Protein backbone atom coordinates (compact mmCIF):
# COMPACT_ATOMS: atom_id res chain seq x y z
CA MET A 1 0.00 0.00 0.00
CA PRO A 2 1.29 3.47 -0.83
CA GLY A 3 2.72 5.26 2.15
CA ARG A 4 3.12 2.11 4.29
CA LEU A 5 6.39 2.20 6.26
CA VAL A 6 8.52 -0.69 7.41
CA ARG A 7 11.03 -0.24 10.22
CA ASP A 8 14.42 -1.59 9.14
CA GLY A 9 16.78 -1.43 12.09
CA VAL A 10 17.09 2.27 12.88
CA ARG A 11 15.86 3.36 9.47
CA VAL A 12 12.27 3.76 8.37
CA VAL A 13 11.76 3.32 4.65
CA PRO A 14 8.63 3.35 2.48
CA THR A 15 7.96 -0.08 0.97
CA ASP A 16 6.39 1.32 -2.19
CA LEU A 17 9.69 2.91 -3.36
CA PRO A 18 12.41 1.14 -5.33
CA ALA A 19 15.33 0.03 -3.22
CA ALA A 20 17.72 2.49 -4.86
CA ALA A 21 15.35 5.40 -4.26
CA SER A 22 14.70 4.41 -0.63
CA TYR A 23 18.35 4.56 0.24
CA SER A 24 19.48 7.43 -1.99
CA CYS A 25 18.68 10.05 0.63
CA LEU A 26 20.51 8.09 3.30
CA ASP A 27 23.50 7.63 1.02
CA THR A 28 23.58 11.35 0.25
CA MET A 29 23.44 12.22 3.93
CA GLY A 30 26.17 9.72 4.69
CA GLY A 31 28.35 11.09 1.91
CA ALA A 32 27.85 14.66 3.12
CA SER A 33 28.71 13.62 6.67
CA ALA A 34 31.87 11.83 5.52
CA SER A 35 32.89 14.85 3.47
CA THR A 36 32.36 17.15 6.45
CA THR A 37 34.41 14.84 8.68
CA LEU A 38 37.20 14.70 6.10
CA TRP A 39 37.38 18.47 5.84
CA ALA A 40 37.26 18.82 9.63
CA ARG A 41 40.33 16.59 9.87
CA ARG A 42 42.02 18.36 6.98
CA LEU A 43 41.63 21.66 8.80
CA ARG A 44 42.22 20.42 12.36
CA GLU A 45 45.80 19.30 11.92
CA PRO A 46 47.07 22.32 9.93
CA VAL A 47 45.44 24.57 12.53
CA LEU A 48 47.23 22.62 15.28
CA VAL A 49 50.57 23.06 13.55
CA PHE A 50 49.79 26.72 12.95
CA GLY A 51 49.08 27.11 16.66
CA VAL A 52 52.50 25.68 17.50
CA PHE A 53 54.06 28.16 15.05
CA LEU A 54 52.31 31.03 16.81
CA ALA A 55 53.28 29.75 20.25
CA ALA A 56 56.94 29.52 19.19
CA ALA A 57 56.81 33.11 17.92
CA TRP A 58 54.77 34.76 20.66
CA LEU A 59 55.60 32.97 23.92
CA PRO A 60 59.44 33.04 24.15
CA PRO A 61 59.70 36.84 24.70
CA LEU A 62 57.61 36.37 27.84
CA ALA A 63 60.37 34.20 29.31
CA PRO A 64 63.66 35.25 27.65
CA GLU A 65 65.78 32.90 29.73
CA TRP A 66 63.75 29.95 28.44
CA ARG A 67 63.53 31.15 24.83
CA LEU A 68 65.67 28.48 23.17
CA ALA A 69 64.36 25.64 25.32
CA LEU A 70 60.74 26.61 24.69
CA GLN A 71 61.23 26.96 20.95
CA ALA A 72 63.05 23.62 20.84
CA VAL A 73 60.26 21.83 22.70
CA LEU A 74 57.57 23.35 20.49
CA GLY A 75 59.54 22.60 17.34
CA ILE A 76 60.18 18.98 18.27
CA GLY A 77 56.55 18.57 19.29
CA ALA A 78 55.31 19.91 15.96
CA LEU A 79 57.79 17.71 14.08
CA LEU A 80 56.70 14.55 15.92
CA ALA A 81 53.02 15.33 15.36
CA ILE A 82 53.58 15.91 11.65
CA VAL A 83 55.63 12.73 11.21
CA ARG A 84 53.07 10.66 13.13
CA SER A 85 50.23 12.06 11.02
CA ALA A 86 52.06 11.38 7.76
CA MET A 87 52.85 7.82 8.83
CA ARG A 88 49.24 7.26 9.89
CA ASP A 89 48.00 8.42 6.51
CA GLY A 90 50.59 6.39 4.64
CA VAL A 91 52.02 9.42 2.83
CA PRO A 92 54.91 8.39 0.54
CA LEU A 93 58.17 10.26 1.08
CA SER A 94 58.14 11.31 -2.57
CA VAL A 95 54.87 13.21 -2.03
CA LEU A 96 56.62 15.33 0.60
CA GLY A 97 59.60 15.87 -1.68
CA LEU A 98 61.97 13.73 0.40
CA ARG A 99 63.89 12.35 -2.55
CA VAL A 100 67.16 13.05 -4.36
CA ASP A 101 66.66 11.56 -7.83
CA ASN A 102 65.16 14.82 -9.13
CA LEU A 103 67.27 17.19 -7.02
CA PHE A 104 69.10 18.94 -9.86
CA ALA A 105 66.07 19.43 -12.08
CA CYS A 106 63.94 20.76 -9.21
CA SER A 107 66.74 22.99 -7.94
CA PHE A 108 67.12 24.46 -11.41
CA VAL A 109 63.41 25.27 -11.65
CA LEU A 110 63.06 26.70 -8.14
CA LEU A 111 66.22 28.78 -8.42
CA LEU A 112 65.09 29.93 -11.85
CA VAL A 113 62.02 31.57 -10.33
CA THR A 114 63.92 32.76 -7.23
CA LEU A 115 67.23 34.21 -8.39
CA PRO A 116 66.05 36.83 -10.94
CA PRO A 117 63.96 38.87 -8.44
CA LEU A 118 66.72 38.46 -5.84
CA ALA A 119 69.25 39.74 -8.36
CA VAL A 120 67.10 42.83 -8.85
CA VAL A 121 66.87 43.33 -5.08
CA HIS A 122 70.62 42.94 -4.70
CA GLY A 123 71.25 45.30 -7.61
CA VAL A 124 68.96 48.00 -6.22
CA ALA A 125 69.52 47.69 -2.48
CA GLY A 126 72.62 45.51 -2.25
CA LYS A 127 75.16 46.14 0.48
CA PRO A 128 78.81 45.10 0.62
CA GLY A 129 79.84 42.11 2.65
CA PHE A 130 77.40 39.51 1.32
CA ARG A 131 78.63 36.02 2.24
CA PRO A 132 77.19 33.07 0.24
CA SER A 133 78.35 30.71 2.99
CA GLU A 134 75.48 31.98 5.12
CA VAL A 135 73.10 30.19 2.76
CA LEU A 136 74.51 26.83 3.89
CA ILE A 137 74.37 27.86 7.55
CA TYR A 138 70.71 28.85 7.23
CA PHE A 139 69.77 25.78 5.15
CA PRO A 140 68.82 23.44 8.06
CA TRP A 141 66.40 26.01 9.47
CA ALA A 142 64.94 26.62 6.00
CA PHE A 143 64.56 22.87 5.51
CA PHE A 144 62.72 22.50 8.83
CA GLN A 145 60.34 25.34 7.98
CA GLN A 146 59.58 24.01 4.51
CA PHE A 147 59.02 20.50 5.86
CA VAL A 148 56.46 21.89 8.29
CA VAL A 149 54.79 23.89 5.51
CA VAL A 150 54.65 20.94 3.09
CA ALA A 151 53.84 18.13 5.52
CA GLY A 152 51.89 20.18 8.05
CA PHE A 153 49.92 22.50 5.74
CA TRP A 154 50.20 21.90 2.02
CA ARG A 155 49.54 18.16 1.83
CA TYR A 156 46.12 18.58 3.47
CA PHE A 157 45.00 21.05 0.82
CA GLN A 158 46.40 19.61 -2.39
CA ARG A 159 44.09 17.56 -4.59
CA SER A 160 44.97 15.07 -7.29
CA ALA A 161 43.18 14.18 -10.48
CA GLY A 162 44.27 10.64 -11.17
CA ALA A 163 48.04 10.55 -11.04
CA ALA A 164 48.59 14.24 -11.70
CA THR A 165 47.75 17.34 -9.71
CA THR A 166 45.64 19.83 -11.64
CA TRP A 167 46.80 23.40 -12.06
CA ARG A 168 43.77 24.74 -10.21
CA SER A 169 44.24 22.47 -7.20
CA ALA A 170 47.97 23.20 -7.13
CA VAL A 171 47.41 26.96 -6.94
CA GLY A 172 44.59 26.55 -4.40
CA ALA A 173 46.73 24.41 -2.10
CA ALA A 174 49.65 26.82 -2.49
CA VAL A 175 47.47 29.82 -1.60
CA LEU A 176 46.12 28.20 1.58
CA ALA A 177 49.47 26.88 2.78
CA ALA A 178 51.29 30.13 1.93
CA ALA A 179 48.62 32.15 3.75
CA LEU A 180 49.04 30.09 6.93
CA PHE A 181 52.82 30.30 6.77
CA ALA A 182 52.73 34.05 6.15
CA SER A 183 50.28 34.55 9.02
CA ALA A 184 52.77 32.91 11.36
CA HIS A 185 55.04 35.93 10.68
CA ALA A 186 52.54 38.42 12.14
CA PRO A 187 52.58 41.28 13.01
CA ASN A 188 55.46 42.10 10.62
CA LEU A 189 53.22 43.04 7.67
CA ALA A 190 56.02 43.69 5.18
CA LEU A 191 57.61 40.34 5.96
CA MET A 192 54.23 38.62 5.77
CA GLY A 193 53.74 39.96 2.25
CA LEU A 194 57.16 38.77 1.11
CA VAL A 195 56.70 35.35 2.70
CA PHE A 196 53.28 34.87 1.12
CA ALA A 197 54.45 35.84 -2.38
CA ALA A 198 57.56 33.68 -2.22
CA GLU A 199 55.84 30.65 -0.70
CA LEU A 200 53.00 30.86 -3.21
CA ILE A 201 55.46 30.70 -6.11
CA TRP A 202 57.57 27.97 -4.52
CA LEU A 203 54.66 25.70 -3.59
CA THR A 204 53.06 26.10 -7.01
CA CYS A 205 56.34 24.91 -8.53
CA PHE A 206 56.69 22.24 -5.84
CA SER A 207 53.40 20.64 -6.86
CA ARG A 208 55.11 19.69 -10.13
CA PHE A 209 58.77 19.55 -9.09
CA ARG A 210 58.62 17.85 -5.71
CA ASN A 211 61.92 18.06 -3.94
CA LEU A 212 62.08 19.43 -0.42
CA PHE A 213 65.84 19.98 -0.55
CA ALA A 214 65.47 22.22 -3.60
CA LEU A 215 62.60 24.07 -1.91
CA ALA A 216 64.71 24.66 1.20
CA LEU A 217 67.63 25.85 -0.93
CA ALA A 218 65.46 28.49 -2.63
CA HIS A 219 64.15 29.56 0.79
CA SER A 220 67.66 29.77 2.25
CA VAL A 221 69.02 31.89 -0.60
CA ALA A 222 66.04 34.25 -0.47
CA ALA A 223 66.20 34.62 3.32
CA ILE A 224 69.90 35.52 3.33
CA VAL A 225 69.56 38.04 0.49
CA VAL A 226 66.56 39.70 2.16
CA LYS A 227 68.32 39.77 5.53
CA HIS A 228 71.50 41.24 4.08
CA ASP A 229 70.07 43.74 1.59
CA LEU A 230 66.69 44.80 2.98
CA VAL A 231 67.18 44.78 6.78
CA PRO A 232 67.30 47.41 8.07
CA GLY A 233 65.96 49.76 5.45
CA TRP A 234 63.22 48.40 3.25
CA LEU A 235 62.26 46.07 6.09
CA PRO A 236 62.50 47.30 9.70
CA SER A 237 63.40 43.80 10.93
CA LEU A 238 62.73 40.09 10.49
CA LYS A 239 61.22 39.78 13.95
CA VAL A 240 57.78 38.25 14.44
CA GLY A 241 55.36 37.78 17.32
CA LEU A 242 55.96 39.70 20.53
CA GLY A 243 59.60 40.04 19.54
CA TYR A 244 58.51 42.49 16.85
CA TRP A 245 57.82 45.03 19.61
CA TRP A 246 60.07 43.74 22.38
CA PRO A 247 63.90 43.70 22.24
């Protein structure tokens, strides 16, 4: 009879509807719920990492004598959380750019988009005494930062179409990850703008040329040139968090 209902476990379905129709609504609701849960997890973990970034930038000035210890604890904690999450999700090392087989090709591409604007900066605002050796000294810190950006932010936002990442998804993931990374440099607005622009370009390239060592090299070169040529002057400082106002 039309309208007669049969209780099936916890679901109540009309018996006069085809089976596919009776469950279509439930399937849609289940799919929407799963999608919401997926996005909640995608946002939860980057936000957690972002919170650690902010804590490392804002808390140490409150206890100067514990600055290095506090930053080390927060950094190690963020690193362990990121590694655990990547292992849980079964993320291949190659997805995070932890590989060397494409090092030269990726370094060429990333330096190709990095060196020309830096050459202009150095030509316009360059100061004597630039030491290329500082790039190697800064490299480990640049590598750590880029690992956090890629594994802690970017991988949650990037989407793949089959085996290849689409241009639209690559730019979208780069925008979101670069925005989070730049926000961690608040309240230094000038530095935030530079970080966002550079990270957007680097991550867009990284989506196609995935090598974290090359990414860190580009970051290290850019950081040393900016520090040497633009601070102080074009940029008041490279300080972030409470340290931007406090000595």
